[in-house]
């Protein structure tokens, strides 16, 4: 009887240790999965934004949390909220990226060759760290003159 009791005590200690180890590893895997999913969303957003800026004809800042990318036939509007970024197209299609938005600014510069450039600085928070995306769009002098006259009237 004593041997049976000792065997039960030892097996219960081993089972409780195995359960504790399993629970700890499971929490680590869930945390890792959440981090990887956040990185995947960030990379998808970065690729979509890079492609959109590349193919857009102009980039316009609407306000502190919104900017537009104008194409020949349509316009994409990016709206930033605290915990998500929404990409809205003219045809009613919306993409939502669950990224924490920190700040955004668009700067216009003139290079030495008299070329106008607009630079987008978009700061998001991924895995607790702030990451700034930088995209630059060359703007032709013709577009600048057209926008100057069209926005003046």
N, C-alpha and C. Protein backbone atom coordinates (compact mmCIF):
# COMPACT_ATOMS: atom_id res chain seq x y z
N UNK A 1 0.82 -1.19 0.00
CA UNK A 1 0.00 0.00 0.00
C UNK A 1 0.87 1.26 0.00
N UNK A 2 1.96 1.21 0.77
CA UNK A 2 2.85 2.37 0.83
C UNK A 2 3.51 2.62 -0.53
N UNK A 3 3.88 1.55 -1.18
CA UNK A 3 4.51 1.70 -2.50
C UNK A 3 3.53 2.32 -3.50
N UNK A 4 2.29 1.93 -3.43
CA UNK A 4 1.27 2.49 -4.29
C UNK A 4 1.06 3.97 -4.00
N UNK A 5 1.03 4.34 -2.75
CA UNK A 5 0.86 5.73 -2.34
C UNK A 5 2.05 6.58 -2.81
N UNK A 6 3.27 6.08 -2.67
CA UNK A 6 4.47 6.80 -3.12
C UNK A 6 4.43 6.94 -4.65
N UNK A 7 4.01 5.90 -5.33
CA UNK A 7 3.91 5.96 -6.80
C UNK A 7 2.89 7.01 -7.25
N UNK A 8 1.75 7.08 -6.55
CA UNK A 8 0.74 8.09 -6.88
C UNK A 8 1.25 9.51 -6.63
N UNK A 9 1.97 9.72 -5.54
CA UNK A 9 2.51 11.04 -5.22
C UNK A 9 3.53 11.46 -6.29
N UNK A 10 4.43 10.55 -6.64
CA UNK A 10 5.46 10.87 -7.64
C UNK A 10 4.82 11.13 -9.00
N UNK A 11 3.86 10.32 -9.40
CA UNK A 11 3.21 10.54 -10.69
C UNK A 11 2.40 11.84 -10.70
N UNK A 12 1.77 12.20 -9.59
CA UNK A 12 1.03 13.47 -9.55
C UNK A 12 1.99 14.66 -9.63
N UNK A 13 3.16 14.56 -9.02
CA UNK A 13 4.17 15.63 -9.12
C UNK A 13 4.65 15.76 -10.57
N UNK A 14 4.90 14.64 -11.21
CA UNK A 14 5.36 14.67 -12.60
C UNK A 14 4.28 15.24 -13.52
N UNK A 15 3.03 14.83 -13.31
CA UNK A 15 1.92 15.33 -14.14
C UNK A 15 1.74 16.83 -13.94
N UNK A 16 1.82 17.32 -12.70
CA UNK A 16 1.66 18.76 -12.46
C UNK A 16 2.82 19.54 -13.08
N UNK A 17 4.03 19.01 -13.05
CA UNK A 17 5.17 19.67 -13.69
C UNK A 17 4.97 19.72 -15.20
N UNK A 18 4.51 18.62 -15.79
CA UNK A 18 4.29 18.58 -17.23
C UNK A 18 3.19 19.58 -17.64
N UNK A 19 2.14 19.70 -16.84
CA UNK A 19 1.07 20.64 -17.14
C UNK A 19 1.58 22.09 -17.06
N UNK A 20 2.40 22.39 -16.06
CA UNK A 20 2.96 23.73 -15.93
C UNK A 20 3.86 24.06 -17.12
N UNK A 21 4.68 23.12 -17.52
CA UNK A 21 5.56 23.33 -18.68
C UNK A 21 4.73 23.52 -19.95
N UNK A 22 3.71 22.69 -20.12
CA UNK A 22 2.83 22.82 -21.29
C UNK A 22 2.15 24.19 -21.32
N UNK A 23 1.63 24.63 -20.19
CA UNK A 23 0.96 25.93 -20.13
C UNK A 23 1.93 27.08 -20.45
N UNK A 24 3.14 27.02 -19.96
CA UNK A 24 4.14 28.05 -20.22
C UNK A 24 4.52 28.09 -21.71
N UNK A 25 4.74 26.94 -22.31
CA UNK A 25 5.09 26.87 -23.72
C UNK A 25 3.92 27.34 -24.59
N UNK A 26 2.70 26.99 -24.20
CA UNK A 26 1.52 27.42 -24.94
C UNK A 26 1.39 28.94 -24.93
N UNK A 27 1.64 29.58 -23.79
CA UNK A 27 1.59 31.04 -23.71
C UNK A 27 2.66 31.67 -24.59
N UNK A 28 3.85 31.08 -24.61
CA UNK A 28 4.92 31.61 -25.46
C UNK A 28 4.55 31.49 -26.94
N UNK A 29 3.99 30.37 -27.33
CA UNK A 29 3.59 30.18 -28.73
C UNK A 29 2.48 31.15 -29.14
N UNK A 30 1.51 31.39 -28.25
CA UNK A 30 0.45 32.34 -28.56
C UNK A 30 1.00 33.75 -28.69
N UNK A 31 1.92 34.14 -27.82
CA UNK A 31 2.56 35.46 -27.92
C UNK A 31 3.37 35.60 -29.20
N UNK A 32 4.10 34.56 -29.54
CA UNK A 32 4.88 34.57 -30.79
C UNK A 32 3.97 34.67 -32.00
N UNK A 33 2.86 33.95 -31.98
CA UNK A 33 1.89 33.98 -33.07
C UNK A 33 1.30 35.39 -33.22
N UNK A 34 0.97 36.04 -32.11
CA UNK A 34 0.43 37.39 -32.13
C UNK A 34 1.46 38.38 -32.70
N UNK A 35 2.72 38.23 -32.31
CA UNK A 35 3.78 39.10 -32.84
C UNK A 35 3.98 38.90 -34.33
N UNK A 36 3.96 37.65 -34.78
CA UNK A 36 4.14 37.36 -36.20
C UNK A 36 2.98 37.89 -37.02
N UNK A 37 1.78 37.81 -36.47
CA UNK A 37 0.61 38.33 -37.17
C UNK A 37 0.71 39.86 -37.29
N UNK A 38 1.18 40.54 -36.25
CA UNK A 38 1.37 41.99 -36.31
C UNK A 38 2.41 42.37 -37.35
N UNK A 39 3.51 41.62 -37.43
CA UNK A 39 4.53 41.88 -38.44
C UNK A 39 4.00 41.63 -39.85
N UNK A 40 3.17 40.60 -40.01
CA UNK A 40 2.60 40.30 -41.32
C UNK A 40 1.68 41.43 -41.77
N UNK A 41 0.86 41.96 -40.87
CA UNK A 41 -0.03 43.08 -41.21
C UNK A 41 0.79 44.30 -41.59
N UNK A 42 1.85 44.58 -40.85
CA UNK A 42 2.72 45.71 -41.15
C UNK A 42 3.36 45.56 -42.54
N UNK A 43 3.87 44.38 -42.83
CA UNK A 43 4.51 44.14 -44.14
C UNK A 43 3.50 44.24 -45.28
N UNK A 44 2.28 43.73 -45.08
CA UNK A 44 1.26 43.86 -46.12
C UNK A 44 0.93 45.33 -46.37
N UNK A 45 0.78 46.10 -45.29
CA UNK A 45 0.49 47.53 -45.45
C UNK A 45 1.63 48.25 -46.15
N UNK A 46 2.85 47.93 -45.78
CA UNK A 46 4.02 48.58 -46.38
C UNK A 46 4.08 48.28 -47.88
N UNK A 47 3.80 47.05 -48.28
CA UNK A 47 3.83 46.70 -49.70
C UNK A 47 2.72 47.40 -50.48
N UNK A 48 1.51 47.46 -49.91
CA UNK A 48 0.40 48.13 -50.58
C UNK A 48 0.68 49.61 -50.72
N UNK A 49 1.17 50.24 -49.66
CA UNK A 49 1.47 51.67 -49.71
C UNK A 49 2.58 51.97 -50.71
N UNK A 50 3.62 51.17 -50.72
CA UNK A 50 4.74 51.37 -51.66
C UNK A 50 4.26 51.27 -53.10
N UNK A 51 3.44 50.28 -53.40
CA UNK A 51 2.91 50.11 -54.75
C UNK A 51 2.00 51.28 -55.13
N UNK A 52 1.15 51.70 -54.21
CA UNK A 52 0.25 52.81 -54.49
C UNK A 52 1.01 54.11 -54.75
N UNK A 53 2.01 54.39 -53.94
CA UNK A 53 2.79 55.62 -54.13
C UNK A 53 3.55 55.56 -55.45
N UNK A 54 4.05 54.40 -55.79
CA UNK A 54 4.80 54.25 -57.03
C UNK A 54 3.94 54.55 -58.26
N UNK A 55 2.70 54.05 -58.28
CA UNK A 55 1.85 54.20 -59.45
C UNK A 55 0.97 55.45 -59.42
N UNK A 56 0.92 56.16 -58.31
CA UNK A 56 0.09 57.37 -58.22
C UNK A 56 0.74 58.50 -58.99
N UNK A 57 -0.09 59.41 -59.49
CA UNK A 57 0.47 60.57 -60.17
C UNK A 57 0.81 61.68 -59.18
N UNK A 58 0.00 61.85 -58.15
CA UNK A 58 0.30 62.86 -57.13
C UNK A 58 -0.11 62.35 -55.75
N UNK A 59 0.44 63.02 -54.75
CA UNK A 59 0.14 62.71 -53.35
C UNK A 59 -0.32 64.00 -52.69
N UNK A 60 -1.47 63.96 -52.02
CA UNK A 60 -2.03 65.15 -51.40
C UNK A 60 -2.37 64.88 -49.94
N UNK A 61 -2.05 65.83 -49.08
CA UNK A 61 -2.41 65.71 -47.68
C UNK A 61 -3.73 66.43 -47.45
N UNK A 62 -4.72 65.72 -46.94
CA UNK A 62 -6.02 66.32 -46.68
C UNK A 62 -6.05 66.99 -45.31
N UNK A 63 -5.63 66.27 -44.29
CA UNK A 63 -5.49 66.83 -42.94
C UNK A 63 -4.43 66.02 -42.21
N UNK A 64 -4.35 66.16 -40.90
CA UNK A 64 -3.30 65.48 -40.14
C UNK A 64 -3.40 63.96 -40.19
N UNK A 65 -4.58 63.43 -40.40
CA UNK A 65 -4.76 61.98 -40.35
C UNK A 65 -5.25 61.38 -41.67
N UNK A 66 -5.22 62.15 -42.76
CA UNK A 66 -5.72 61.66 -44.03
C UNK A 66 -4.84 62.18 -45.16
N UNK A 67 -4.54 61.30 -46.11
CA UNK A 67 -3.89 61.74 -47.33
C UNK A 67 -4.47 60.97 -48.51
N UNK A 68 -4.30 61.56 -49.70
CA UNK A 68 -4.86 60.96 -50.91
C UNK A 68 -3.75 60.70 -51.91
N UNK A 69 -3.89 59.58 -52.61
CA UNK A 69 -3.03 59.26 -53.74
C UNK A 69 -3.91 59.31 -54.98
N UNK A 70 -3.58 60.20 -55.89
CA UNK A 70 -4.40 60.43 -57.07
C UNK A 70 -3.79 59.67 -58.25
N UNK A 71 -4.60 58.85 -58.88
CA UNK A 71 -4.22 58.12 -60.08
C UNK A 71 -4.92 58.77 -61.28
N UNK A 72 -4.71 58.26 -62.44
CA UNK A 72 -5.36 58.84 -63.63
C UNK A 72 -6.87 58.71 -63.57
N UNK A 73 -7.35 57.57 -63.13
CA UNK A 73 -8.80 57.32 -63.18
C UNK A 73 -9.46 57.24 -61.82
N UNK A 74 -8.70 57.20 -60.74
CA UNK A 74 -9.31 57.09 -59.42
C UNK A 74 -8.41 57.68 -58.34
N UNK A 75 -8.94 57.73 -57.15
CA UNK A 75 -8.21 58.28 -56.01
C UNK A 75 -8.31 57.30 -54.85
N UNK A 76 -7.18 57.08 -54.17
CA UNK A 76 -7.17 56.27 -52.96
C UNK A 76 -7.00 57.20 -51.77
N UNK A 77 -7.83 57.04 -50.78
CA UNK A 77 -7.77 57.85 -49.58
C UNK A 77 -7.33 56.97 -48.42
N UNK A 78 -6.27 57.37 -47.75
CA UNK A 78 -5.78 56.68 -46.56
C UNK A 78 -6.22 57.47 -45.34
N UNK A 79 -6.99 56.82 -44.46
CA UNK A 79 -7.47 57.46 -43.24
C UNK A 79 -6.84 56.74 -42.05
N UNK A 80 -6.20 57.52 -41.19
CA UNK A 80 -5.53 56.95 -40.05
C UNK A 80 -6.34 57.16 -38.77
N UNK A 81 -6.52 56.08 -38.05
CA UNK A 81 -7.18 56.13 -36.75
C UNK A 81 -6.19 55.60 -35.72
N UNK A 82 -6.57 55.60 -34.47
CA UNK A 82 -5.63 55.21 -33.42
C UNK A 82 -5.15 53.76 -33.58
N UNK A 83 -6.05 52.85 -33.88
CA UNK A 83 -5.67 51.43 -33.94
C UNK A 83 -5.88 50.79 -35.31
N UNK A 84 -6.13 51.61 -36.34
CA UNK A 84 -6.31 51.03 -37.66
C UNK A 84 -6.06 52.09 -38.72
N UNK A 85 -5.72 51.61 -39.91
CA UNK A 85 -5.53 52.45 -41.08
C UNK A 85 -6.45 51.90 -42.16
N UNK A 86 -7.25 52.78 -42.75
CA UNK A 86 -8.21 52.37 -43.77
C UNK A 86 -7.80 52.95 -45.11
N UNK A 87 -7.76 52.10 -46.11
CA UNK A 87 -7.46 52.49 -47.49
C UNK A 87 -8.78 52.41 -48.25
N UNK A 88 -9.28 53.56 -48.67
CA UNK A 88 -10.59 53.67 -49.31
C UNK A 88 -10.40 54.05 -50.77
N UNK A 89 -11.03 53.32 -51.67
CA UNK A 89 -10.91 53.61 -53.10
C UNK A 89 -12.22 54.22 -53.61
N UNK A 90 -12.16 54.82 -54.79
CA UNK A 90 -13.35 55.45 -55.38
C UNK A 90 -14.44 54.43 -55.72
N UNK A 91 -14.05 53.22 -56.02
CA UNK A 91 -15.05 52.22 -56.43
C UNK A 91 -15.71 51.53 -55.23
N UNK A 92 -15.49 52.04 -54.03
CA UNK A 92 -16.16 51.51 -52.84
C UNK A 92 -15.43 50.41 -52.12
N UNK A 93 -14.27 50.02 -52.60
CA UNK A 93 -13.49 48.96 -51.95
C UNK A 93 -12.70 49.55 -50.79
N UNK A 94 -12.71 48.89 -49.64
CA UNK A 94 -11.97 49.36 -48.47
C UNK A 94 -11.08 48.25 -47.96
N UNK A 95 -9.87 48.62 -47.59
CA UNK A 95 -8.95 47.71 -46.93
C UNK A 95 -8.68 48.27 -45.54
N UNK A 96 -8.70 47.41 -44.54
CA UNK A 96 -8.43 47.83 -43.17
C UNK A 96 -7.19 47.11 -42.68
N UNK A 97 -6.23 47.89 -42.17
CA UNK A 97 -5.01 47.34 -41.60
C UNK A 97 -5.02 47.66 -40.11
N UNK A 98 -4.94 46.63 -39.29
CA UNK A 98 -4.97 46.81 -37.85
C UNK A 98 -3.59 47.19 -37.33
N UNK A 99 -3.20 48.43 -37.62
CA UNK A 99 -1.92 48.97 -37.17
C UNK A 99 -2.18 50.17 -36.27
N UNK A 100 -1.36 50.33 -35.27
CA UNK A 100 -1.47 51.50 -34.41
C UNK A 100 -0.84 52.68 -35.11
N UNK A 101 -1.60 53.74 -35.30
CA UNK A 101 -1.12 54.94 -35.98
C UNK A 101 -0.59 55.92 -34.94
N UNK A 102 0.59 56.51 -35.22
CA UNK A 102 1.18 57.48 -34.31
C UNK A 102 1.11 58.89 -34.91
N UNK A 103 1.72 59.08 -36.08
CA UNK A 103 1.70 60.40 -36.73
C UNK A 103 2.02 60.25 -38.21
N UNK A 104 1.67 61.33 -38.96
CA UNK A 104 1.91 61.35 -40.38
C UNK A 104 2.19 62.79 -40.82
N UNK A 105 3.12 62.94 -41.76
CA UNK A 105 3.34 64.25 -42.36
C UNK A 105 3.83 64.06 -43.79
N UNK A 106 3.49 65.03 -44.62
CA UNK A 106 3.95 65.05 -46.00
C UNK A 106 4.75 66.33 -46.17
N UNK A 107 5.98 66.18 -46.63
CA UNK A 107 6.86 67.32 -46.85
C UNK A 107 7.13 67.46 -48.34
N UNK A 108 7.14 68.70 -48.81
CA UNK A 108 7.46 68.97 -50.20
C UNK A 108 8.83 69.63 -50.26
N UNK A 109 9.70 69.08 -51.10
CA UNK A 109 11.06 69.62 -51.24
C UNK A 109 11.36 69.85 -52.71
N UNK A 110 12.33 70.71 -52.96
CA UNK A 110 12.80 70.97 -54.32
C UNK A 110 14.27 70.56 -54.36
N UNK A 111 14.61 69.69 -55.30
CA UNK A 111 15.98 69.20 -55.40
C UNK A 111 16.84 70.19 -56.17
N UNK A 112 18.11 69.89 -56.27
CA UNK A 112 19.04 70.76 -56.98
C UNK A 112 18.71 70.85 -58.47
N UNK A 113 18.09 69.83 -59.01
CA UNK A 113 17.73 69.84 -60.43
C UNK A 113 16.36 70.47 -60.66
N UNK A 114 15.84 71.21 -59.69
CA UNK A 114 14.53 71.85 -59.73
C UNK A 114 13.39 70.85 -59.90
N UNK A 115 13.57 69.66 -59.36
CA UNK A 115 12.50 68.67 -59.35
C UNK A 115 11.80 68.74 -58.00
N UNK A 116 10.50 68.68 -58.04
CA UNK A 116 9.71 68.72 -56.82
C UNK A 116 9.48 67.28 -56.34
N UNK A 117 9.62 67.10 -55.05
CA UNK A 117 9.39 65.79 -54.46
C UNK A 117 8.49 65.96 -53.25
N UNK A 118 7.60 65.00 -53.08
CA UNK A 118 6.79 64.94 -51.88
C UNK A 118 7.18 63.68 -51.13
N UNK A 119 7.45 63.86 -49.86
CA UNK A 119 7.88 62.73 -49.02
C UNK A 119 6.82 62.48 -47.95
N UNK A 120 6.44 61.24 -47.81
CA UNK A 120 5.47 60.82 -46.82
C UNK A 120 6.20 60.15 -45.67
N UNK A 121 5.98 60.64 -44.47
CA UNK A 121 6.53 60.02 -43.27
C UNK A 121 5.33 59.54 -42.45
N UNK A 122 5.19 58.23 -42.34
CA UNK A 122 4.07 57.63 -41.64
C UNK A 122 4.61 56.76 -40.52
N UNK A 123 4.32 57.14 -39.28
CA UNK A 123 4.84 56.41 -38.13
C UNK A 123 3.75 55.53 -37.54
N UNK A 124 4.07 54.25 -37.41
CA UNK A 124 3.16 53.28 -36.81
C UNK A 124 3.85 52.62 -35.63
N UNK A 125 3.10 51.87 -34.87
CA UNK A 125 3.65 51.15 -33.73
C UNK A 125 3.47 49.66 -33.99
N UNK A 126 4.61 48.94 -34.03
CA UNK A 126 4.60 47.50 -34.26
C UNK A 126 5.43 46.86 -33.15
N UNK A 127 4.86 45.89 -32.46
CA UNK A 127 5.51 45.18 -31.36
C UNK A 127 6.03 46.14 -30.29
N UNK A 128 5.28 47.22 -30.07
CA UNK A 128 5.65 48.17 -29.03
C UNK A 128 6.69 49.19 -29.44
N UNK A 129 7.16 49.13 -30.66
CA UNK A 129 8.18 50.06 -31.16
C UNK A 129 7.60 50.92 -32.26
N UNK A 130 8.03 52.18 -32.30
CA UNK A 130 7.60 53.07 -33.36
C UNK A 130 8.46 52.86 -34.61
N UNK A 131 7.78 52.67 -35.75
CA UNK A 131 8.46 52.47 -37.02
C UNK A 131 7.93 53.52 -37.99
N UNK A 132 8.85 54.23 -38.65
CA UNK A 132 8.45 55.26 -39.60
C UNK A 132 8.66 54.75 -41.02
N UNK A 133 7.57 54.75 -41.78
CA UNK A 133 7.62 54.41 -43.20
C UNK A 133 7.93 55.69 -43.97
N UNK A 134 8.81 55.59 -44.94
CA UNK A 134 9.17 56.73 -45.77
C UNK A 134 8.92 56.38 -47.21
N UNK A 135 8.08 57.16 -47.87
CA UNK A 135 7.83 56.99 -49.30
C UNK A 135 7.97 58.35 -49.96
N UNK A 136 8.58 58.36 -51.14
CA UNK A 136 8.84 59.61 -51.82
C UNK A 136 8.24 59.55 -53.23
N UNK A 137 7.65 60.66 -53.63
CA UNK A 137 7.02 60.74 -54.95
C UNK A 137 7.55 61.95 -55.68
N UNK A 138 8.11 61.73 -56.89
CA UNK A 138 8.54 62.84 -57.73
C UNK A 138 7.32 63.52 -58.32
N UNK A 139 7.32 64.82 -58.25
CA UNK A 139 6.22 65.60 -58.81
C UNK A 139 6.78 66.46 -59.94
N UNK A 140 6.16 66.40 -61.08
CA UNK A 140 6.66 67.16 -62.22
C UNK A 140 6.26 68.62 -62.07
N UNK A 141 7.00 69.49 -62.74
CA UNK A 141 6.67 70.91 -62.71
C UNK A 141 5.30 71.17 -63.35
N UNK A 142 4.94 70.39 -64.35
CA UNK A 142 3.63 70.55 -64.99
C UNK A 142 2.51 70.29 -63.99
N UNK A 143 2.63 69.22 -63.20
CA UNK A 143 1.62 68.94 -62.18
C UNK A 143 1.56 70.06 -61.15
N UNK A 144 2.71 70.59 -60.77
CA UNK A 144 2.74 71.67 -59.80
C UNK A 144 2.01 72.90 -60.33
N UNK A 145 2.27 73.28 -61.59
CA UNK A 145 1.63 74.45 -62.18
C UNK A 145 0.12 74.22 -62.34
N UNK A 146 -0.26 73.03 -62.79
CA UNK A 146 -1.69 72.72 -62.91
C UNK A 146 -2.39 72.80 -61.57
N UNK A 147 -1.79 72.22 -60.53
CA UNK A 147 -2.40 72.26 -59.20
C UNK A 147 -2.46 73.69 -58.67
N UNK A 148 -1.46 74.46 -58.96
CA UNK A 148 -1.42 75.84 -58.51
C UNK A 148 -2.59 76.63 -59.11
N UNK A 149 -2.83 76.48 -60.40
CA UNK A 149 -3.92 77.21 -61.05
C UNK A 149 -5.28 76.60 -60.75
N UNK A 150 -5.37 75.29 -60.71
CA UNK A 150 -6.66 74.66 -60.46
C UNK A 150 -7.13 74.87 -59.03
N UNK A 151 -6.22 74.83 -58.07
CA UNK A 151 -6.61 75.05 -56.68
C UNK A 151 -6.86 76.52 -56.37
N UNK A 152 -6.37 77.42 -57.23
CA UNK A 152 -6.57 78.84 -57.01
C UNK A 152 -7.97 79.31 -57.40
N UNK A 153 -8.71 78.52 -58.18
CA UNK A 153 -10.04 78.94 -58.64
C UNK A 153 -11.12 78.08 -58.07
